[in-house]
């Protein structure tokens, strides 16, 4: 693949313009008012696959948004890689914190990205990284460098829990049969320290509702005599952690597999500058579970965090009320051996048990997923490691990360296939936040690395 860098350089502007067209579509799966935009995005992805040379392209209907399937089978005797990605994005709110229109992509230079970064919702998560896969496939096919069969499965509900995916996978096991799954929806530690993600945390995500009086009340007439749901909810949430920041829910840690001293020493070898970490986040001090390092807290330890809290009057000016209801959204990140449905149930039972009789509590389950671990002796990991060494010039570090991609465990359960998480984003890319971006270096380095993964994986499978 001597022409790979030349191919990328020659088509640089065309590739970026095509990505911009994809990023302009508001494929926000969480908000029904953007349904047409989500469907248009699925159509555009199908068009891109067709232009790249994929075959058997289908926009498969589901109870939610469609899943796109496509393939290129060059020889049934060769190994098959199933590429997964998603075309939906998070809502851009709060809009006032964006420096530019989230759906009008622009390139800006930053300290971390002196060559420029693409700023737009979905630039990194996951349209930009998915687009790397599509263009890498196009390159391999058009230059006769495709060494194995490829299948694509691209969904539009990842940001809302992939609700339609399990049924689709269960009903299409034969169609999706492959030797390895390749996913670019993760990142690297830094542009100087490439990594391959080998572990993901699981997720339990719930919404709680605390109800007091049957209507909002005058805070002067009723204040001090009637329970205030916001006050009570705040107290309940604050009681979920002890003074050492450990979660107090009975049974929460029962299934956690504690790391060995050897495993903890391996994590300590990962380059990490705590002062740089704090400076980047503009905080004076870190916080977390006692007895663990920052890298352990944000990757291999379970967590419980409030993602949103509201109730009462939040408009302009004053309105003195005791609200009838208060709400919060709470996520719990889980580690290997914790089962998300079990955690959701014990949270619900406990949260209701600590509520005073002056209020009623309802817990609504949203979505969840299982943790995931991939072995480093897997041929897919070895191929990814060789590919990164080829393009970055150094061996990558195997990394367990704090994020969750629930479908990875689903794929292993339903298809019995291990996934390789070959992503190129940075923690600083502000995914799910205002000013999401993806460095041009990272985008094109990913585009350069992916074809080498396919080559090395095909070579390893020949020699198995």
Protein backbone atom coordinates (compact mmCIF):
# COMPACT_ATOMS: atom_id res chain seq x y z
CA UNK A 1 0.00 0.00 0.00
CA UNK A 2 2.75 2.40 -0.98
CA UNK A 3 0.22 4.73 -2.56
CA UNK A 4 -1.94 5.10 0.57
CA UNK A 5 -0.50 8.42 1.79
CA UNK A 6 -0.50 9.80 -1.76
CA UNK A 7 -4.14 8.75 -2.15
CA UNK A 8 -5.11 10.55 1.04
CA UNK A 9 -3.17 13.70 0.14
CA UNK A 10 -4.57 13.79 -3.39
CA UNK A 11 -8.18 13.40 -2.21
CA UNK A 12 -7.85 15.45 0.99
CA UNK A 13 -10.26 18.26 0.11
CA UNK A 14 -12.81 15.96 -1.52
CA UNK A 15 -12.89 13.71 1.55
CA UNK A 16 -13.35 16.64 3.95
CA UNK A 17 -16.14 18.17 1.85
CA UNK A 18 -17.97 14.84 1.79
CA UNK A 19 -17.62 14.55 5.56
CA UNK A 20 -18.97 18.10 5.96
CA UNK A 21 -22.09 17.12 3.99
CA UNK A 22 -22.63 14.27 6.45
CA UNK A 23 -22.04 16.46 9.50
CA UNK A 24 -24.55 19.08 8.34
CA UNK A 25 -27.44 16.65 8.79
CA UNK A 26 -29.09 16.92 12.22
CA UNK A 27 -29.39 13.20 12.94
CA UNK A 28 -30.46 13.63 16.57
CA UNK A 29 -32.09 10.32 17.47
CA UNK A 30 -33.24 11.52 20.91
CA UNK A 31 -35.58 14.19 19.52
CA UNK A 32 -38.52 13.06 17.31
CA UNK A 33 -38.68 16.42 15.54
CA UNK A 34 -35.46 15.50 13.73
CA UNK A 35 -36.82 12.22 12.37
CA UNK A 36 -36.57 13.31 8.73
CA UNK A 37 -32.99 14.43 9.24
CA UNK A 38 -32.08 11.06 10.75
CA UNK A 39 -33.66 9.24 7.81
CA UNK A 40 -31.86 11.51 5.33
CA UNK A 41 -28.59 10.64 7.04
CA UNK A 42 -29.28 6.92 6.59
CA UNK A 43 -29.90 7.56 2.90
CA UNK A 44 -26.66 9.51 2.56
CA UNK A 45 -24.66 6.76 4.28
CA UNK A 46 -26.14 4.26 1.82
CA UNK A 47 -25.15 6.50 -1.07
CA UNK A 48 -21.59 6.81 0.25
CA UNK A 49 -21.36 3.01 0.56
CA UNK A 50 -22.60 2.60 -2.99
CA UNK A 51 -20.09 5.08 -4.37
CA UNK A 52 -17.33 3.32 -2.44
CA UNK A 53 -18.18 0.03 -4.15
CA UNK A 54 -20.18 -1.84 -1.53
CA UNK A 55 -22.86 -4.28 -2.63
CA UNK A 56 -26.15 -5.66 -1.30
CA UNK A 57 -26.91 -2.32 0.36
CA UNK A 58 -30.09 -2.34 2.44
CA UNK A 59 -31.75 0.30 4.59
CA UNK A 60 -33.34 -2.16 7.00
CA UNK A 61 -36.43 -0.90 8.84
CA UNK A 62 -36.67 -1.38 12.61
CA UNK A 63 -39.19 -0.26 15.26
CA UNK A 64 -36.92 2.79 15.57
CA UNK A 65 -34.46 4.15 13.03
CA UNK A 66 -33.14 1.99 10.19
CA UNK A 67 -29.98 -0.09 10.27
CA UNK A 68 -27.86 0.03 7.12
CA UNK A 69 -26.36 -3.22 5.89
CA UNK A 70 -23.87 -3.60 3.04
CA UNK A 71 -21.08 -5.95 2.08
CA UNK A 72 -18.30 -6.78 -0.34
CA UNK A 73 -17.55 -10.48 -0.54
CA UNK A 74 -14.46 -10.95 -2.69
CA UNK A 75 -13.77 -14.59 -1.78
CA UNK A 76 -15.79 -16.73 0.64
CA UNK A 77 -12.59 -18.51 1.64
CA UNK A 78 -11.12 -15.30 3.02
CA UNK A 79 -11.83 -13.94 6.52
CA UNK A 80 -14.67 -11.46 6.98
CA UNK A 81 -14.58 -8.24 9.01
CA UNK A 82 -17.88 -6.72 10.13
CA UNK A 83 -17.60 -2.94 10.49
CA UNK A 84 -20.00 -1.33 12.98
CA UNK A 85 -20.75 2.35 13.40
CA UNK A 86 -23.62 4.74 14.09
CA UNK A 87 -24.93 7.74 12.19
CA UNK A 88 -27.00 9.35 14.96
CA UNK A 89 -25.63 12.08 17.20
CA UNK A 90 -26.25 13.61 20.60
CA UNK A 91 -28.39 16.76 20.96
CA UNK A 92 -26.17 19.87 20.70
CA UNK A 93 -27.60 21.60 23.79
CA UNK A 94 -26.75 23.95 25.35
CA UNK A 95 -26.44 25.86 22.09
CA UNK A 96 -25.22 29.06 23.72
CA UNK A 97 -21.97 27.34 24.72
CA UNK A 98 -20.98 26.53 21.14
CA UNK A 99 -18.51 28.87 19.47
CA UNK A 100 -19.99 28.03 16.07
CA UNK A 101 -23.10 26.38 14.66
CA UNK A 102 -22.96 22.68 15.67
CA UNK A 103 -24.33 21.63 12.29
CA UNK A 104 -22.25 23.97 10.16
CA UNK A 105 -18.83 22.30 10.38
CA UNK A 106 -15.73 24.48 10.42
CA UNK A 107 -12.01 23.84 10.73
CA UNK A 108 -10.15 25.71 13.47
CA UNK A 109 -6.61 25.48 14.77
CA UNK A 110 -6.15 24.78 18.48
CA UNK A 111 -3.24 24.18 20.83
CA UNK A 112 -3.76 20.42 20.66
CA UNK A 113 -4.56 20.51 16.95
CA UNK A 114 -2.14 22.95 15.28
CA UNK A 115 -3.06 21.51 11.88
CA UNK A 116 -6.73 22.10 12.56
CA UNK A 117 -9.75 20.26 13.90
CA UNK A 118 -13.27 19.85 12.56
CA UNK A 119 -15.81 21.43 14.91
CA UNK A 120 -19.35 20.02 14.62
CA UNK A 121 -21.73 17.72 16.43
CA UNK A 122 -20.77 14.19 15.40
CA UNK A 123 -17.31 15.20 14.18
CA UNK A 124 -15.76 12.53 16.42
CA UNK A 125 -18.77 10.63 17.79
CA UNK A 126 -19.31 8.91 15.49
CA UNK A 127 -19.77 10.34 11.99
CA UNK A 128 -16.14 11.36 11.58
CA UNK A 129 -14.79 8.01 12.73
CA UNK A 130 -17.39 6.06 10.76
CA UNK A 131 -16.47 8.07 7.68
CA UNK A 132 -12.82 6.99 8.13
CA UNK A 133 -14.01 3.40 7.77
CA UNK A 134 -16.05 4.15 4.65
CA UNK A 135 -13.23 6.01 2.91
CA UNK A 136 -10.65 3.39 3.93
CA UNK A 137 -12.90 0.75 2.36
CA UNK A 138 -13.23 2.87 -0.77
CA UNK A 139 -9.44 3.21 -1.02
CA UNK A 140 -8.80 -0.52 -0.56
CA UNK A 141 -11.39 -1.50 -3.15
CA UNK A 142 -10.45 1.07 -5.79
CA UNK A 143 -6.72 0.34 -5.50
CA UNK A 144 -7.12 -3.45 -5.38
CA UNK A 145 -5.84 -3.56 -1.79
CA UNK A 146 -8.88 -5.15 -0.11
CA UNK A 147 -7.46 -8.34 1.46
CA UNK A 148 -10.63 -9.84 2.94
CA UNK A 149 -14.41 -9.67 2.90
CA UNK A 150 -16.16 -6.71 4.51
CA UNK A 151 -19.64 -6.28 5.93
CA UNK A 152 -21.16 -3.08 7.30
CA UNK A 153 -23.80 -2.64 9.98
CA UNK A 154 -24.52 1.01 10.72
CA UNK A 155 -27.30 2.03 13.10
CA UNK A 156 -29.18 5.19 13.97
CA UNK A 157 -30.04 4.67 17.65
CA UNK A 158 -26.71 4.29 19.45
CA UNK A 159 -27.11 7.56 21.33
CA UNK A 160 -30.48 6.43 22.73
CA UNK A 161 -29.50 2.91 23.74
CA UNK A 162 -29.51 0.91 20.46
CA UNK A 163 -33.01 -0.29 21.25
CA UNK A 164 -33.58 -1.95 17.86
CA UNK A 165 -30.16 -3.49 17.43
CA UNK A 166 -30.44 -6.66 19.52
CA UNK A 167 -33.53 -7.87 17.65
CA UNK A 168 -31.88 -7.05 14.32
CA UNK A 169 -28.72 -8.94 15.24
CA UNK A 170 -30.70 -11.91 16.59
CA UNK A 171 -32.76 -12.12 13.39
CA UNK A 172 -29.80 -11.72 11.03
CA UNK A 173 -27.07 -13.92 12.49
CA UNK A 174 -26.36 -15.60 9.17
CA UNK A 175 -26.16 -12.30 7.29
CA UNK A 176 -23.84 -10.84 9.93
CA UNK A 177 -21.56 -13.87 10.20
CA UNK A 178 -17.95 -12.69 10.40
CA UNK A 179 -14.59 -13.45 11.97
CA UNK A 180 -14.07 -10.10 13.66
CA UNK A 181 -15.97 -6.87 14.36
CA UNK A 182 -14.16 -3.57 13.81
CA UNK A 183 -15.42 -0.44 15.58
CA UNK A 184 -14.05 3.10 15.42
CA UNK A 185 -15.96 4.81 18.22
CA UNK A 186 -13.23 5.14 20.84
CA UNK A 187 -9.99 7.08 21.11
CA UNK A 188 -6.29 7.18 21.86
CA UNK A 189 -4.51 8.52 24.91
CA UNK A 190 -2.75 11.24 22.90
CA UNK A 191 -1.34 11.80 19.43
CA UNK A 192 2.07 10.84 20.81
CA UNK A 193 0.80 7.85 22.81
CA UNK A 194 -1.50 5.72 20.64
CA UNK A 195 -3.66 3.13 22.33
CA UNK A 196 -6.05 0.32 21.48
CA UNK A 197 -9.10 0.09 23.71
CA UNK A 198 -9.44 -3.37 25.24
CA UNK A 199 -12.04 -2.65 27.94
CA UNK A 200 -15.28 -0.71 28.31
CA UNK A 201 -17.45 -0.06 31.30
CA UNK A 202 -21.08 -1.11 31.31
CA UNK A 203 -23.99 1.24 31.96
CA UNK A 204 -27.19 1.50 33.96
CA UNK A 205 -29.13 4.68 33.20
CA UNK A 206 -32.26 5.70 35.11
CA UNK A 207 -34.53 8.67 35.70
CA UNK A 208 -35.98 9.32 39.16
CA UNK A 209 -39.15 11.27 39.98
CA UNK A 210 -39.96 12.53 43.47
CA UNK A 211 -43.53 13.74 44.05
CA UNK A 212 -44.70 15.74 47.05
CA UNK A 213 -47.94 17.77 47.10
CA UNK A 214 -50.45 17.35 44.27
CA UNK A 215 -49.59 20.76 42.81
CA UNK A 216 -47.01 23.54 43.09
CA UNK A 217 -47.61 25.46 46.32
CA UNK A 218 -47.01 29.04 47.52
CA UNK A 219 -43.69 28.88 49.39
CA UNK A 220 -44.85 31.45 51.92
CA UNK A 221 -48.15 29.86 52.82
CA UNK A 222 -46.89 26.26 52.78
CA UNK A 223 -43.14 26.67 53.33
CA UNK A 224 -41.90 24.80 56.38
CA UNK A 225 -45.03 22.67 56.61
CA UNK A 226 -44.94 20.58 53.42
CA UNK A 227 -42.12 18.48 52.01
CA UNK A 228 -40.17 20.12 49.19
CA UNK A 229 -39.37 17.43 46.56
CA UNK A 230 -36.26 19.27 45.35
CA UNK A 231 -34.81 19.43 48.86
CA UNK A 232 -35.61 15.79 49.49
CA UNK A 233 -34.26 14.62 46.12
CA UNK A 234 -31.03 16.55 46.76
CA UNK A 235 -30.66 14.92 50.18
CA UNK A 236 -31.36 11.46 48.77
CA UNK A 237 -28.78 11.88 46.03
CA UNK A 238 -26.14 13.23 48.42
CA UNK A 239 -26.63 10.17 50.64
CA UNK A 240 -25.72 7.73 47.85
CA UNK A 241 -21.97 8.16 48.51
CA UNK A 242 -20.10 7.91 51.79
CA UNK A 243 -17.28 10.20 52.95
CA UNK A 244 -14.79 8.15 50.87
CA UNK A 245 -16.89 8.58 47.70
CA UNK A 246 -17.87 4.93 47.76
CA UNK A 247 -21.40 4.08 46.62
CA UNK A 248 -23.55 3.11 49.61
CA UNK A 249 -26.19 1.04 47.82
CA UNK A 250 -26.21 -2.44 49.44
CA UNK A 251 -24.98 -5.10 47.01
CA UNK A 252 -23.62 -2.60 44.48
CA UNK A 253 -20.06 -3.98 44.66
CA UNK A 254 -20.93 -7.64 45.21
CA UNK A 255 -20.00 -8.76 41.68
CA UNK A 256 -17.07 -6.43 41.08
CA UNK A 257 -13.87 -8.28 40.18
CA UNK A 258 -11.08 -6.51 42.03
CA UNK A 259 -7.88 -5.89 40.09
CA UNK A 260 -4.76 -7.79 41.06
CA UNK A 261 -1.62 -5.93 42.13
CA UNK A 262 -0.08 -6.82 38.76
CA UNK A 263 -3.01 -5.31 36.86
CA UNK A 264 -2.86 -2.14 38.94
CA UNK A 265 0.87 -1.84 38.29
CA UNK A 266 0.20 -2.09 34.54
CA UNK A 267 -2.25 0.81 34.77
CA UNK A 268 0.37 2.83 36.63
CA UNK A 269 2.67 2.47 33.60
CA UNK A 270 0.27 4.46 31.42
CA UNK A 271 1.68 7.98 30.91
CA UNK A 272 -0.47 10.42 32.82
CA UNK A 273 0.14 13.99 34.03
CA UNK A 274 -2.27 14.90 36.81
CA UNK A 275 -1.45 18.61 36.60
CA UNK A 276 -2.12 18.64 32.86
CA UNK A 277 -5.36 16.77 33.51
CA UNK A 278 -6.52 19.38 36.04
CA UNK A 279 -5.38 22.26 33.84
CA UNK A 280 -7.29 20.94 30.85
CA UNK A 281 -10.48 20.73 32.91
CA UNK A 282 -9.81 24.04 34.71
CA UNK A 283 -10.19 22.47 38.15
CA UNK A 284 -8.00 22.90 41.23
CA UNK A 285 -8.38 19.42 42.64
CA UNK A 286 -9.50 15.95 41.60
CA UNK A 287 -12.10 13.92 43.46
CA UNK A 288 -13.12 10.29 43.60
CA UNK A 289 -13.17 6.99 45.43
CA UNK A 290 -10.48 6.79 48.10
CA UNK A 291 -7.69 4.29 47.57
CA UNK A 292 -7.63 4.51 43.79
CA UNK A 293 -5.77 6.62 41.24
CA UNK A 294 -7.47 8.90 38.72
CA UNK A 295 -6.81 6.43 35.89
CA UNK A 296 -8.40 3.64 37.94
CA UNK A 297 -11.37 5.76 38.95
CA UNK A 298 -12.25 6.71 35.39
CA UNK A 299 -11.81 3.30 33.80
CA UNK A 300 -11.87 0.24 36.07
CA UNK A 301 -14.03 1.33 39.01
CA UNK A 302 -17.85 1.57 39.02
CA UNK A 303 -19.43 5.01 39.42
CA UNK A 304 -22.72 6.76 40.11
CA UNK A 305 -23.29 10.26 38.74
CA UNK A 306 -26.20 12.68 38.39
CA UNK A 307 -26.45 13.72 34.74
CA UNK A 308 -29.27 16.22 35.16
CA UNK A 309 -31.56 17.53 37.90
CA UNK A 310 -34.59 19.78 37.69
CA UNK A 311 -37.90 20.82 39.19
CA UNK A 312 -39.93 23.86 40.20
CA UNK A 313 -39.54 27.21 38.47
CA UNK A 314 -36.41 27.76 36.38
CA UNK A 315 -37.49 30.65 34.15
CA UNK A 316 -36.51 34.30 34.26
CA UNK A 317 -37.16 36.24 37.43
CA UNK A 318 -38.73 34.88 40.60
CA UNK A 319 -41.63 32.56 41.25
CA UNK A 320 -41.83 31.47 44.87
CA UNK A 321 -43.15 27.92 44.81
CA UNK A 322 -42.70 24.61 46.51
CA UNK A 323 -42.71 22.31 43.48
CA UNK A 324 -44.93 19.29 43.21
CA UNK A 325 -42.20 17.24 41.57
CA UNK A 326 -38.44 17.00 41.21
CA UNK A 327 -36.47 14.87 38.76
CA UNK A 328 -32.95 13.61 38.14
CA UNK A 329 -31.21 11.48 35.55
CA UNK A 330 -28.58 9.16 37.01
CA UNK A 331 -26.00 6.99 35.28
CA UNK A 332 -23.98 4.19 36.80
CA UNK A 333 -20.87 3.00 34.98
CA UNK A 334 -20.20 -0.67 35.62
CA UNK A 335 -17.12 -2.89 35.52
CA UNK A 336 -16.65 -6.54 34.53
CA UNK A 337 -19.05 -9.00 36.15
CA UNK A 338 -21.63 -6.33 37.08
CA UNK A 339 -24.93 -7.01 35.31
CA UNK A 340 -26.74 -3.82 34.35
CA UNK A 341 -30.28 -5.06 34.92
CA UNK A 342 -29.36 -6.28 38.39
CA UNK A 343 -27.74 -2.94 39.24
CA UNK A 344 -30.78 -1.05 37.96
CA UNK A 345 -33.03 -3.13 40.19
CA UNK A 346 -30.98 -2.77 43.36
CA UNK A 347 -30.67 0.98 42.75
CA UNK A 348 -34.44 1.28 42.33
CA UNK A 349 -35.17 -0.72 45.46
CA UNK A 350 -32.68 1.22 47.56
CA UNK A 351 -33.63 4.67 46.29
CA UNK A 352 -37.27 4.06 47.11
CA UNK A 353 -36.34 2.70 50.54
CA UNK A 354 -34.50 5.87 51.61
CA UNK A 355 -37.38 8.22 50.68
CA UNK A 356 -39.35 9.78 53.56
CA UNK A 357 -43.09 9.09 53.69
CA UNK A 358 -43.77 12.72 52.78
CA UNK A 359 -42.99 11.96 49.12
CA UNK A 360 -43.57 9.27 46.52
CA UNK A 361 -40.70 7.99 44.36
CA UNK A 362 -40.72 6.49 40.88
CA UNK A 363 -37.65 5.11 39.11
CA UNK A 364 -37.77 4.80 35.33
CA UNK A 365 -35.24 2.58 33.57
CA UNK A 366 -33.82 4.07 30.38
CA UNK A 367 -31.06 1.95 28.86
CA UNK A 368 -28.02 -0.03 29.86
CA UNK A 369 -25.34 -2.43 28.75
CA UNK A 370 -22.71 -4.86 29.92
CA UNK A 371 -18.98 -4.20 30.42
CA UNK A 372 -16.52 -5.64 27.90
CA UNK A 373 -12.94 -6.94 27.91
CA UNK A 374 -10.90 -8.02 24.86
CA UNK A 375 -7.75 -10.16 25.22
CA UNK A 376 -4.46 -8.82 23.87
CA UNK A 377 -3.53 -12.18 22.33
CA UNK A 378 -6.52 -11.95 19.97
CA UNK A 379 -5.50 -11.79 16.28
CA UNK A 380 -7.66 -8.70 15.86
CA UNK A 381 -5.81 -6.89 18.64
CA UNK A 382 -2.45 -7.97 17.24
CA UNK A 383 -3.43 -6.67 13.78
CA UNK A 384 -4.57 -3.37 15.27
CA UNK A 385 -1.32 -3.08 17.22
CA UNK A 386 0.78 -3.75 14.10
CA UNK A 387 -1.25 -1.24 12.08
CA UNK A 388 -0.77 1.51 14.66
CA UNK A 389 2.96 0.79 14.89
CA UNK A 390 3.12 1.09 11.10
CA UNK A 391 1.45 4.51 11.00
CA UNK A 392 2.42 6.06 14.34
CA UNK A 393 5.88 4.51 14.53
CA UNK A 394 5.45 3.11 18.06
CA UNK A 395 3.62 0.24 19.72
CA UNK A 396 0.20 1.16 21.15
CA UNK A 397 -0.74 0.74 24.79
CA UNK A 398 -3.70 -1.56 25.56
CA UNK A 399 -6.18 0.62 27.44
CA UNK A 400 -9.34 0.07 29.44
CA UNK A 401 -11.52 3.13 29.13
CA UNK A 402 -14.38 4.53 31.16
CA UNK A 403 -16.92 4.87 28.37
CA UNK A 404 -19.65 2.41 27.45
CA UNK A 405 -20.59 0.88 24.11
CA UNK A 406 -23.27 -1.58 25.21
CA UNK A 407 -23.57 -3.21 21.80
CA UNK A 408 -20.04 -4.65 22.02
CA UNK A 409 -21.09 -7.14 24.70
CA UNK A 410 -24.28 -7.76 22.72
CA UNK A 411 -22.27 -8.73 19.63
CA UNK A 412 -20.23 -11.22 21.59
CA UNK A 413 -23.35 -12.72 23.14
CA UNK A 414 -25.41 -13.01 19.93
CA UNK A 415 -22.72 -13.48 17.27
CA UNK A 416 -19.92 -15.00 19.36
CA UNK A 417 -17.44 -12.53 17.83
CA UNK A 418 -14.85 -10.38 19.56
CA UNK A 419 -14.74 -6.69 18.68
CA UNK A 420 -11.66 -4.60 18.03
CA UNK A 421 -12.02 -1.00 19.21
CA UNK A 422 -9.78 0.98 16.88
CA UNK A 423 -10.68 4.62 17.48
CA UNK A 424 -8.66 7.80 17.04
CA UNK A 425 -10.41 10.50 19.07
CA UNK A 426 -8.99 12.28 22.10
CA UNK A 427 -10.56 12.78 25.53
CA UNK A 428 -10.39 16.51 24.81
CA UNK A 429 -12.61 16.25 21.72
CA UNK A 430 -15.69 17.26 23.75
CA UNK A 431 -17.96 14.49 22.52
CA UNK A 432 -21.50 14.88 23.95
CA UNK A 433 -20.51 18.46 24.86
CA UNK A 434 -20.54 21.88 23.18
CA UNK A 435 -17.73 22.43 20.67
CA UNK A 436 -17.23 18.76 19.81
CA UNK A 437 -14.33 18.40 17.41
CA UNK A 438 -12.03 15.91 15.70
CA UNK A 439 -8.43 16.72 14.80
CA UNK A 440 -7.49 16.51 11.13
CA UNK A 441 -4.34 14.64 12.19
CA UNK A 442 -6.48 12.07 13.99
CA UNK A 443 -8.98 11.73 11.16
CA UNK A 444 -6.37 11.18 8.47
CA UNK A 445 -4.18 9.02 10.72
CA UNK A 446 -7.22 6.81 11.26
CA UNK A 447 -7.90 6.69 7.54
CA UNK A 448 -4.26 5.68 7.01
CA UNK A 449 -4.25 3.04 9.76
CA UNK A 450 -7.45 1.14 8.94
CA UNK A 451 -6.26 -0.40 5.64
CA UNK A 452 -3.14 -1.67 7.43
CA UNK A 453 -5.38 -3.32 10.03
CA UNK A 454 -7.16 -5.21 7.25
CA UNK A 455 -3.86 -6.28 5.68
CA UNK A 456 -2.31 -7.50 8.92
CA UNK A 457 -5.50 -9.23 10.02
CA UNK A 458 -5.80 -11.09 6.70
CA UNK A 459 -2.14 -12.12 6.93
CA UNK A 460 -2.57 -13.41 10.49
CA UNK A 461 -5.66 -15.38 9.55
CA UNK A 462 -3.75 -17.04 6.70
CA UNK A 463 -1.22 -18.32 9.18
CA UNK A 464 -3.64 -19.44 11.90
